[in-house]
N, C-alpha and C. Protein backbone atom coordinates (compact mmCIF):
# COMPACT_ATOMS: atom_id res chain seq x y z
N MET A 1 0.82 -1.16 0.00
CA MET A 1 0.00 0.00 0.00
C MET A 1 0.87 1.23 0.00
N ASN A 2 0.52 2.10 -0.83
CA ASN A 2 1.34 3.29 -1.00
C ASN A 2 0.61 4.46 -0.35
N ALA A 3 0.83 4.65 0.89
CA ALA A 3 0.17 5.72 1.61
C ALA A 3 1.10 6.90 1.69
N THR A 4 0.71 7.92 1.00
CA THR A 4 1.53 9.13 1.05
C THR A 4 0.73 10.21 1.74
N THR A 5 1.38 10.99 2.43
CA THR A 5 0.73 12.11 3.11
C THR A 5 0.66 13.27 2.12
N PRO A 6 -0.53 13.82 1.96
CA PRO A 6 -0.65 14.93 1.02
C PRO A 6 0.11 16.14 1.51
N THR A 7 0.66 16.83 0.59
CA THR A 7 1.40 18.05 0.92
C THR A 7 0.40 19.19 1.04
N PRO A 8 0.80 20.26 1.68
CA PRO A 8 -0.11 21.41 1.79
C PRO A 8 -0.54 21.93 0.43
N ALA A 9 0.27 21.85 -0.57
CA ALA A 9 -0.09 22.32 -1.91
C ALA A 9 -1.17 21.41 -2.48
N ASP A 10 -1.04 20.07 -2.27
CA ASP A 10 -2.06 19.13 -2.75
C ASP A 10 -3.39 19.36 -2.03
N THR A 11 -3.32 19.62 -0.75
CA THR A 11 -4.54 19.87 0.03
C THR A 11 -5.23 21.14 -0.46
N ALA A 12 -4.46 22.18 -0.71
CA ALA A 12 -5.03 23.44 -1.20
C ALA A 12 -5.69 23.22 -2.56
N LYS A 13 -5.04 22.42 -3.43
CA LYS A 13 -5.58 22.12 -4.75
C LYS A 13 -6.91 21.35 -4.62
N THR A 14 -6.94 20.37 -3.73
CA THR A 14 -8.15 19.57 -3.52
C THR A 14 -9.29 20.44 -3.00
N ILE A 15 -8.97 21.29 -2.05
CA ILE A 15 -9.99 22.19 -1.48
C ILE A 15 -10.52 23.13 -2.56
N LYS A 16 -9.61 23.66 -3.40
CA LYS A 16 -10.03 24.56 -4.47
C LYS A 16 -10.94 23.84 -5.46
N ALA A 17 -10.61 22.60 -5.79
CA ALA A 17 -11.43 21.81 -6.72
C ALA A 17 -12.80 21.52 -6.11
N LEU A 18 -12.80 21.20 -4.81
CA LEU A 18 -14.07 20.95 -4.13
C LEU A 18 -14.94 22.21 -4.10
N ARG A 19 -14.33 23.35 -3.84
CA ARG A 19 -15.07 24.63 -3.83
C ARG A 19 -15.68 24.91 -5.19
N LYS A 20 -14.90 24.69 -6.26
CA LYS A 20 -15.43 24.91 -7.61
C LYS A 20 -16.62 24.00 -7.88
N ARG A 21 -16.48 22.73 -7.50
CA ARG A 21 -17.57 21.78 -7.72
C ARG A 21 -18.81 22.20 -6.92
N LEU A 22 -18.62 22.59 -5.66
CA LEU A 22 -19.74 23.04 -4.83
C LEU A 22 -20.39 24.31 -5.41
N GLU A 23 -19.57 25.22 -5.90
CA GLU A 23 -20.11 26.46 -6.50
C GLU A 23 -20.94 26.14 -7.73
N ARG A 24 -20.47 25.18 -8.55
CA ARG A 24 -21.24 24.78 -9.73
C ARG A 24 -22.59 24.17 -9.30
N TRP A 25 -22.53 23.28 -8.29
CA TRP A 25 -23.76 22.68 -7.80
C TRP A 25 -24.71 23.75 -7.23
N GLU A 26 -24.15 24.66 -6.47
CA GLU A 26 -24.94 25.73 -5.88
C GLU A 26 -25.57 26.58 -6.98
N LEU A 27 -24.78 26.93 -7.98
CA LEU A 27 -25.28 27.74 -9.08
C LEU A 27 -26.37 27.00 -9.83
N GLU A 28 -26.18 25.72 -10.09
CA GLU A 28 -27.20 24.92 -10.78
C GLU A 28 -28.48 24.84 -9.94
N HIS A 29 -28.32 24.64 -8.65
CA HIS A 29 -29.48 24.59 -7.75
C HIS A 29 -30.23 25.93 -7.78
N LEU A 30 -29.50 27.04 -7.71
CA LEU A 30 -30.14 28.36 -7.73
C LEU A 30 -30.85 28.60 -9.06
N ARG A 31 -30.26 28.14 -10.16
CA ARG A 31 -30.92 28.29 -11.47
C ARG A 31 -32.22 27.49 -11.50
N GLN A 32 -32.19 26.26 -10.97
CA GLN A 32 -33.40 25.43 -10.94
C GLN A 32 -34.47 26.07 -10.05
N LEU A 33 -34.04 26.59 -8.90
CA LEU A 33 -34.97 27.24 -7.99
C LEU A 33 -35.58 28.47 -8.63
N ALA A 34 -34.77 29.28 -9.30
CA ALA A 34 -35.27 30.48 -9.97
C ALA A 34 -36.27 30.11 -11.06
N ALA A 35 -35.96 29.07 -11.83
CA ALA A 35 -36.87 28.63 -12.89
C ALA A 35 -38.19 28.13 -12.29
N SER A 36 -38.09 27.38 -11.19
CA SER A 36 -39.29 26.88 -10.53
C SER A 36 -40.15 28.03 -10.00
N LEU A 37 -39.50 29.00 -9.37
CA LEU A 37 -40.24 30.16 -8.84
C LEU A 37 -40.86 30.99 -9.96
N ALA A 38 -40.15 31.10 -11.08
CA ALA A 38 -40.69 31.84 -12.22
C ALA A 38 -41.93 31.13 -12.76
N ASP A 39 -41.89 29.79 -12.83
CA ASP A 39 -43.06 29.02 -13.29
C ASP A 39 -44.24 29.21 -12.34
N ARG A 40 -43.95 29.14 -11.04
CA ARG A 40 -45.03 29.32 -10.05
C ARG A 40 -45.61 30.72 -10.12
N LEU A 41 -44.76 31.72 -10.31
CA LEU A 41 -45.22 33.10 -10.41
C LEU A 41 -46.11 33.28 -11.64
N GLU A 42 -45.69 32.71 -12.75
CA GLU A 42 -46.48 32.82 -13.97
C GLU A 42 -47.85 32.14 -13.79
N ALA A 43 -47.86 30.98 -13.16
CA ALA A 43 -49.12 30.28 -12.92
C ALA A 43 -50.02 31.10 -11.99
N ALA A 44 -49.44 31.70 -10.97
CA ALA A 44 -50.22 32.54 -10.04
C ALA A 44 -50.79 33.75 -10.75
N GLU A 45 -49.99 34.37 -11.61
CA GLU A 45 -50.48 35.54 -12.35
C GLU A 45 -51.62 35.15 -13.28
N GLN A 46 -51.52 34.00 -13.92
CA GLN A 46 -52.60 33.53 -14.79
C GLN A 46 -53.86 33.25 -13.98
N ARG A 47 -53.70 32.66 -12.79
CA ARG A 47 -54.85 32.38 -11.93
C ARG A 47 -55.49 33.69 -11.47
N ILE A 48 -54.69 34.67 -11.12
CA ILE A 48 -55.22 35.97 -10.71
C ILE A 48 -56.00 36.60 -11.84
N GLU A 49 -55.44 36.56 -13.03
CA GLU A 49 -56.12 37.13 -14.19
C GLU A 49 -57.46 36.43 -14.43
N ALA A 50 -57.47 35.10 -14.35
CA ALA A 50 -58.71 34.35 -14.56
C ALA A 50 -59.74 34.70 -13.48
N LEU A 51 -59.29 34.83 -12.23
CA LEU A 51 -60.21 35.18 -11.14
C LEU A 51 -60.75 36.59 -11.29
N GLU A 52 -59.91 37.50 -11.77
CA GLU A 52 -60.37 38.87 -11.98
C GLU A 52 -61.45 38.91 -13.07
N VAL A 53 -61.25 38.13 -14.13
CA VAL A 53 -62.26 38.05 -15.20
C VAL A 53 -63.55 37.46 -14.64
N GLU A 54 -63.41 36.39 -13.86
CA GLU A 54 -64.59 35.74 -13.27
C GLU A 54 -65.33 36.68 -12.31
N ALA A 55 -64.59 37.43 -11.52
CA ALA A 55 -65.20 38.38 -10.58
C ALA A 55 -65.92 39.49 -11.35
N ALA A 56 -65.31 40.00 -12.40
CA ALA A 56 -65.95 41.05 -13.20
C ALA A 56 -67.24 40.53 -13.83
N ARG A 57 -67.20 39.29 -14.31
CA ARG A 57 -68.40 38.69 -14.90
C ARG A 57 -69.49 38.54 -13.85
N ALA A 58 -69.11 38.13 -12.63
CA ALA A 58 -70.09 37.97 -11.55
C ALA A 58 -70.72 39.31 -11.17
N TRP A 59 -69.90 40.35 -11.10
CA TRP A 59 -70.43 41.69 -10.79
C TRP A 59 -71.37 42.16 -11.90
N ASP A 60 -71.00 41.92 -13.14
CA ASP A 60 -71.87 42.31 -14.26
C ASP A 60 -73.21 41.57 -14.20
N THR A 61 -73.14 40.28 -13.88
CA THR A 61 -74.37 39.48 -13.77
C THR A 61 -75.23 39.99 -12.62
N ALA A 62 -74.60 40.28 -11.49
CA ALA A 62 -75.34 40.78 -10.33
C ALA A 62 -75.98 42.14 -10.64
N ASP A 63 -75.24 43.00 -11.30
CA ASP A 63 -75.80 44.30 -11.68
C ASP A 63 -76.97 44.14 -12.63
N ALA A 64 -76.85 43.24 -13.60
CA ALA A 64 -77.94 43.01 -14.56
C ALA A 64 -79.17 42.47 -13.83
N TRP A 65 -78.96 41.53 -12.89
CA TRP A 65 -80.09 40.98 -12.14
C TRP A 65 -80.75 42.08 -11.31
N ARG A 66 -79.93 42.90 -10.64
CA ARG A 66 -80.50 43.99 -9.81
C ARG A 66 -81.30 44.95 -10.66
N GLU A 67 -80.77 45.31 -11.84
CA GLU A 67 -81.49 46.23 -12.73
C GLU A 67 -82.79 45.61 -13.22
N ASP A 68 -82.77 44.32 -13.56
CA ASP A 68 -83.99 43.63 -14.00
C ASP A 68 -85.02 43.59 -12.87
N ALA A 69 -84.55 43.27 -11.66
CA ALA A 69 -85.47 43.21 -10.51
C ALA A 69 -86.05 44.59 -10.22
N GLN A 70 -85.21 45.62 -10.29
CA GLN A 70 -85.69 46.98 -10.04
C GLN A 70 -86.70 47.41 -11.10
N ARG A 71 -86.43 47.05 -12.35
CA ARG A 71 -87.34 47.38 -13.44
C ARG A 71 -88.68 46.66 -13.23
N LEU A 72 -88.64 45.39 -12.82
CA LEU A 72 -89.85 44.63 -12.55
C LEU A 72 -90.64 45.25 -11.41
N VAL A 73 -89.96 45.63 -10.33
CA VAL A 73 -90.64 46.27 -9.20
C VAL A 73 -91.31 47.57 -9.64
N GLU A 74 -90.60 48.38 -10.42
CA GLU A 74 -91.17 49.64 -10.90
C GLU A 74 -92.39 49.39 -11.78
N GLU A 75 -92.33 48.39 -12.66
CA GLU A 75 -93.47 48.08 -13.53
C GLU A 75 -94.67 47.62 -12.70
N LEU A 76 -94.42 46.77 -11.69
CA LEU A 76 -95.51 46.31 -10.84
C LEU A 76 -96.10 47.45 -10.03
N GLU A 77 -95.25 48.32 -9.50
CA GLU A 77 -95.76 49.46 -8.73
C GLU A 77 -96.53 50.42 -9.62
N ASP A 78 -96.06 50.61 -10.85
CA ASP A 78 -96.80 51.45 -11.80
C ASP A 78 -98.17 50.86 -12.10
N ALA A 79 -98.27 49.54 -12.06
CA ALA A 79 -99.54 48.86 -12.31
C ALA A 79 -100.42 48.83 -11.05
N GLY A 80 -99.92 49.39 -9.94
CA GLY A 80 -100.70 49.49 -8.72
C GLY A 80 -100.46 48.38 -7.71
N ALA A 81 -99.52 47.51 -7.97
CA ALA A 81 -99.23 46.41 -7.04
C ALA A 81 -98.23 46.87 -5.98
N THR A 82 -98.27 46.18 -4.85
CA THR A 82 -97.29 46.40 -3.79
C THR A 82 -96.32 45.23 -3.81
N VAL A 83 -95.04 45.52 -3.87
CA VAL A 83 -94.02 44.49 -3.96
C VAL A 83 -93.28 44.41 -2.64
N GLY A 84 -93.05 43.19 -2.18
CA GLY A 84 -92.35 42.99 -0.93
C GLY A 84 -91.21 42.00 -1.11
N LEU A 85 -90.47 41.83 -0.04
CA LEU A 85 -89.33 40.93 -0.03
C LEU A 85 -89.49 39.98 1.15
N THR A 86 -89.44 38.68 0.89
CA THR A 86 -89.57 37.72 1.98
C THR A 86 -88.27 37.63 2.75
N GLN A 87 -88.32 36.98 3.91
CA GLN A 87 -87.10 36.80 4.70
C GLN A 87 -86.09 35.95 3.95
N GLY A 88 -86.57 35.10 3.05
CA GLY A 88 -85.68 34.27 2.24
C GLY A 88 -85.09 35.02 1.06
N GLY A 89 -85.51 36.25 0.82
CA GLY A 89 -84.95 37.06 -0.25
C GLY A 89 -85.74 37.04 -1.55
N ALA A 90 -86.92 36.43 -1.56
CA ALA A 90 -87.73 36.37 -2.77
C ALA A 90 -88.60 37.61 -2.89
N LEU A 91 -88.72 38.15 -4.12
CA LEU A 91 -89.63 39.25 -4.38
C LEU A 91 -91.03 38.68 -4.54
N VAL A 92 -92.01 39.30 -3.89
CA VAL A 92 -93.39 38.83 -3.98
C VAL A 92 -94.31 40.02 -4.17
N VAL A 93 -95.43 39.78 -4.82
CA VAL A 93 -96.47 40.79 -4.94
C VAL A 93 -97.39 40.60 -3.74
N CYS A 94 -97.55 41.67 -2.95
CA CYS A 94 -98.34 41.59 -1.73
C CYS A 94 -99.79 41.87 -2.05
N GLY A 95 -100.67 41.29 -1.21
CA GLY A 95 -102.09 41.57 -1.34
C GLY A 95 -102.38 42.95 -0.78
N ASP A 96 -103.64 43.25 -0.62
CA ASP A 96 -104.03 44.55 -0.06
C ASP A 96 -103.80 44.53 1.44
N ALA A 97 -102.61 44.80 1.85
CA ALA A 97 -102.26 44.80 3.26
C ALA A 97 -102.64 46.12 3.89
N GLN A 98 -103.31 46.04 5.02
CA GLN A 98 -103.69 47.23 5.76
C GLN A 98 -102.75 47.34 6.95
N PRO A 99 -102.21 48.53 7.19
CA PRO A 99 -101.32 48.67 8.35
C PRO A 99 -102.08 48.41 9.64
N THR A 100 -101.44 47.73 10.55
CA THR A 100 -102.04 47.42 11.84
C THR A 100 -101.82 48.59 12.78
N THR A 101 -102.89 49.07 13.39
CA THR A 101 -102.77 50.15 14.37
C THR A 101 -102.78 49.50 15.75
N PRO A 102 -102.27 50.19 16.76
CA PRO A 102 -102.22 49.60 18.10
C PRO A 102 -103.59 49.21 18.65
N THR A 103 -104.68 49.80 18.14
CA THR A 103 -106.00 49.49 18.67
C THR A 103 -106.56 48.22 18.06
N GLN A 104 -105.99 47.75 16.94
CA GLN A 104 -106.48 46.53 16.32
C GLN A 104 -105.84 45.33 17.00
N PRO A 105 -106.61 44.26 17.21
CA PRO A 105 -105.99 43.07 17.79
C PRO A 105 -105.00 42.46 16.80
N THR A 106 -103.91 41.95 17.32
CA THR A 106 -102.89 41.37 16.45
C THR A 106 -103.13 39.89 16.19
N GLY A 107 -104.15 39.30 16.85
CA GLY A 107 -104.51 37.91 16.57
C GLY A 107 -103.38 36.94 16.86
N ASP A 108 -102.94 36.25 15.83
CA ASP A 108 -101.92 35.23 16.02
C ASP A 108 -100.54 35.69 15.55
N ALA A 109 -100.21 36.93 15.86
CA ALA A 109 -98.90 37.47 15.45
C ALA A 109 -97.74 36.70 16.08
N TRP A 110 -97.99 36.02 17.19
CA TRP A 110 -96.94 35.23 17.83
C TRP A 110 -96.44 34.12 16.92
N ARG A 111 -97.28 33.71 15.95
CA ARG A 111 -96.88 32.63 15.04
C ARG A 111 -95.69 33.03 14.15
N TYR A 112 -95.44 34.32 14.03
CA TYR A 112 -94.31 34.77 13.23
C TYR A 112 -92.99 34.68 13.99
N CYS A 113 -93.04 34.35 15.26
CA CYS A 113 -91.83 34.20 16.07
C CYS A 113 -91.22 32.83 15.79
N SER A 114 -90.02 32.84 15.25
CA SER A 114 -89.38 31.58 14.88
C SER A 114 -88.50 31.01 15.99
N ASN A 115 -88.41 31.71 17.14
CA ASN A 115 -87.46 31.29 18.16
C ASN A 115 -88.09 31.34 19.56
N LEU A 116 -89.37 31.01 19.67
CA LEU A 116 -90.04 31.12 20.97
C LEU A 116 -89.52 30.13 22.01
N GLY A 117 -88.93 29.03 21.58
CA GLY A 117 -88.44 28.03 22.52
C GLY A 117 -87.14 28.40 23.21
N SER A 118 -86.51 29.48 22.81
CA SER A 118 -85.21 29.86 23.36
C SER A 118 -85.37 30.48 24.75
N PRO A 119 -84.54 30.07 25.72
CA PRO A 119 -84.58 30.70 27.06
C PRO A 119 -84.28 32.20 26.98
N GLU A 120 -83.37 32.58 26.08
CA GLU A 120 -83.05 34.00 25.92
C GLU A 120 -84.28 34.76 25.43
N ALA A 121 -85.05 34.17 24.52
CA ALA A 121 -86.27 34.81 24.03
C ALA A 121 -87.28 34.96 25.15
N ALA A 122 -87.44 33.92 25.97
CA ALA A 122 -88.38 33.98 27.10
C ALA A 122 -87.98 35.06 28.08
N GLN A 123 -86.69 35.18 28.39
CA GLN A 123 -86.22 36.21 29.31
C GLN A 123 -86.45 37.60 28.74
N ALA A 124 -86.13 37.78 27.44
CA ALA A 124 -86.30 39.10 26.82
C ALA A 124 -87.78 39.49 26.76
N LEU A 125 -88.63 38.52 26.43
CA LEU A 125 -90.07 38.81 26.38
C LEU A 125 -90.61 39.16 27.76
N ALA A 126 -90.19 38.40 28.78
CA ALA A 126 -90.65 38.69 30.15
C ALA A 126 -90.20 40.08 30.59
N GLN A 127 -88.93 40.42 30.30
CA GLN A 127 -88.42 41.75 30.69
C GLN A 127 -89.20 42.86 29.98
N ALA A 128 -89.46 42.67 28.68
CA ALA A 128 -90.19 43.68 27.92
C ALA A 128 -91.62 43.83 28.43
N VAL A 129 -92.27 42.71 28.77
CA VAL A 129 -93.63 42.76 29.29
C VAL A 129 -93.66 43.49 30.63
N LEU A 130 -92.70 43.20 31.51
CA LEU A 130 -92.65 43.88 32.81
C LEU A 130 -92.42 45.39 32.64
N THR A 131 -91.52 45.76 31.73
CA THR A 131 -91.27 47.19 31.48
C THR A 131 -92.52 47.87 30.93
N ALA A 132 -93.16 47.23 29.95
CA ALA A 132 -94.38 47.81 29.37
C ALA A 132 -95.49 47.88 30.41
N SER A 133 -95.62 46.82 31.24
CA SER A 133 -96.65 46.81 32.27
C SER A 133 -96.43 47.94 33.28
N GLY A 134 -95.18 48.11 33.70
CA GLY A 134 -94.88 49.19 34.63
C GLY A 134 -95.17 50.55 34.02
N THR A 135 -94.88 50.71 32.73
CA THR A 135 -95.16 51.98 32.05
C THR A 135 -96.66 52.22 31.97
N ILE A 136 -97.42 51.17 31.67
CA ILE A 136 -98.89 51.31 31.61
C ILE A 136 -99.45 51.62 32.99
N ARG A 137 -98.92 50.96 34.03
CA ARG A 137 -99.38 51.23 35.40
C ARG A 137 -99.11 52.70 35.76
N PHE A 138 -97.94 53.20 35.38
CA PHE A 138 -97.61 54.60 35.63
C PHE A 138 -98.61 55.50 34.90
N ALA A 139 -98.94 55.14 33.66
CA ALA A 139 -99.88 55.95 32.89
C ALA A 139 -101.25 55.98 33.56
N ILE A 140 -101.68 54.84 34.10
CA ILE A 140 -102.99 54.78 34.74
C ILE A 140 -103.00 55.58 36.05
N THR A 141 -101.95 55.46 36.84
CA THR A 141 -101.91 56.14 38.13
C THR A 141 -101.59 57.62 38.00
N GLN A 142 -100.93 58.03 36.93
CA GLN A 142 -100.56 59.42 36.74
C GLN A 142 -101.41 60.10 35.67
N ALA A 143 -102.58 59.55 35.38
CA ALA A 143 -103.41 60.06 34.28
C ALA A 143 -103.76 61.52 34.45
N GLY A 144 -103.87 61.98 35.68
CA GLY A 144 -104.24 63.38 35.89
C GLY A 144 -103.09 64.34 35.60
N ASP A 145 -101.87 63.87 35.51
CA ASP A 145 -100.72 64.73 35.31
C ASP A 145 -100.13 64.45 33.93
N ALA A 146 -100.68 65.08 32.91
CA ALA A 146 -100.27 64.83 31.52
C ALA A 146 -98.81 65.21 31.29
N ALA A 147 -98.32 66.24 31.95
CA ALA A 147 -96.94 66.68 31.72
C ALA A 147 -95.94 65.61 32.16
N SER A 148 -96.16 65.01 33.34
CA SER A 148 -95.21 63.99 33.79
C SER A 148 -95.36 62.71 32.98
N PHE A 149 -96.59 62.42 32.51
CA PHE A 149 -96.78 61.22 31.71
C PHE A 149 -96.00 61.31 30.40
N ALA A 150 -95.87 62.50 29.84
CA ALA A 150 -95.15 62.68 28.58
C ALA A 150 -93.64 62.62 28.77
N THR A 151 -93.15 62.95 29.97
CA THR A 151 -91.71 63.05 30.15
C THR A 151 -91.11 61.97 31.05
N VAL A 152 -91.87 61.49 32.07
CA VAL A 152 -91.28 60.57 33.04
C VAL A 152 -91.01 59.18 32.45
N PRO A 153 -91.97 58.53 31.81
CA PRO A 153 -91.64 57.20 31.28
C PRO A 153 -90.55 57.29 30.20
N ASP A 154 -89.63 56.37 30.24
CA ASP A 154 -88.56 56.35 29.24
C ASP A 154 -89.07 55.55 28.03
N TRP A 155 -89.77 56.24 27.15
CA TRP A 155 -90.43 55.58 26.02
C TRP A 155 -89.43 54.87 25.10
N ARG A 156 -88.27 55.44 24.94
CA ARG A 156 -87.26 54.80 24.07
C ARG A 156 -86.80 53.46 24.66
N THR A 157 -86.65 53.41 25.98
CA THR A 157 -86.26 52.16 26.63
C THR A 157 -87.35 51.11 26.46
N VAL A 158 -88.60 51.53 26.65
CA VAL A 158 -89.72 50.60 26.47
C VAL A 158 -89.71 50.05 25.04
N GLN A 159 -89.60 50.95 24.07
CA GLN A 159 -89.61 50.51 22.67
C GLN A 159 -88.40 49.61 22.37
N ARG A 160 -87.23 50.00 22.86
CA ARG A 160 -86.01 49.22 22.61
C ARG A 160 -86.15 47.81 23.20
N GLU A 161 -86.68 47.70 24.43
CA GLU A 161 -86.84 46.39 25.05
C GLU A 161 -87.87 45.55 24.30
N LEU A 162 -88.95 46.17 23.87
CA LEU A 162 -89.96 45.42 23.12
C LEU A 162 -89.41 44.93 21.79
N LEU A 163 -88.71 45.80 21.06
CA LEU A 163 -88.14 45.39 19.77
C LEU A 163 -87.06 44.32 19.96
N HIS A 164 -86.26 44.46 21.01
CA HIS A 164 -85.22 43.45 21.29
C HIS A 164 -85.88 42.10 21.58
N ALA A 165 -86.93 42.11 22.39
CA ALA A 165 -87.62 40.86 22.72
C ALA A 165 -88.21 40.22 21.47
N LEU A 166 -88.80 41.02 20.61
CA LEU A 166 -89.34 40.47 19.34
C LEU A 166 -88.23 39.93 18.47
N HIS A 167 -87.10 40.63 18.43
CA HIS A 167 -85.96 40.17 17.62
C HIS A 167 -85.44 38.83 18.14
N VAL A 168 -85.25 38.72 19.45
CA VAL A 168 -84.73 37.48 20.03
C VAL A 168 -85.71 36.33 19.80
N ALA A 169 -87.02 36.66 19.82
CA ALA A 169 -88.04 35.63 19.59
C ALA A 169 -88.15 35.27 18.12
N GLY A 170 -87.48 36.02 17.25
CA GLY A 170 -87.48 35.72 15.82
C GLY A 170 -88.63 36.35 15.06
N HIS A 171 -89.31 37.32 15.64
CA HIS A 171 -90.43 37.97 14.97
C HIS A 171 -89.92 39.03 13.99
N PRO A 172 -90.50 39.12 12.79
CA PRO A 172 -90.03 40.10 11.80
C PRO A 172 -90.09 41.55 12.30
N ALA A 173 -91.04 41.88 13.16
CA ALA A 173 -91.15 43.25 13.67
C ALA A 173 -89.95 43.64 14.52
N GLY A 174 -89.22 42.67 15.03
CA GLY A 174 -88.03 42.96 15.85
C GLY A 174 -86.84 43.38 15.04
N ARG A 175 -86.91 43.38 13.73
CA ARG A 175 -85.78 43.77 12.88
C ARG A 175 -85.83 45.25 12.52
N ALA A 176 -86.82 45.95 12.99
CA ALA A 176 -86.97 47.38 12.66
C ALA A 176 -85.90 48.20 13.30
């Protein structure tokens, strides 16, 4: 076996050759990485362009639908019909609806509450009833003093509690 110890010059030469080889590998790797990133960038730009076209088409379609719906509503109203919107978002022609005044009985208006089984709805309804009852009791006991009746009850609080209770119960009137 011919084991020779490398000289410092041989070691320097070997190290230099290894560095060159590593630099070539590094350069090749960087070129491949740059090419891969360029391909990914191009694909992303194409996807963005396609999505922008699709979004523009969707907006155009939505605008056309809105204009058609508005035109239909105007034509129906010109013909004397009343047009409404259901909770599901459908346009409907309403019958001869008469506004309900506080003196008219509301009948089965509770049937419009979609969330009566909720404990939160029960609590809100009970609170609103107690507030309204207290306000009515004040009105009955203070009937002779019209000035205090107009200013003392906090009418906005009563209305807010009643509307909140209707909203929690799922009644359409609670969305006002």
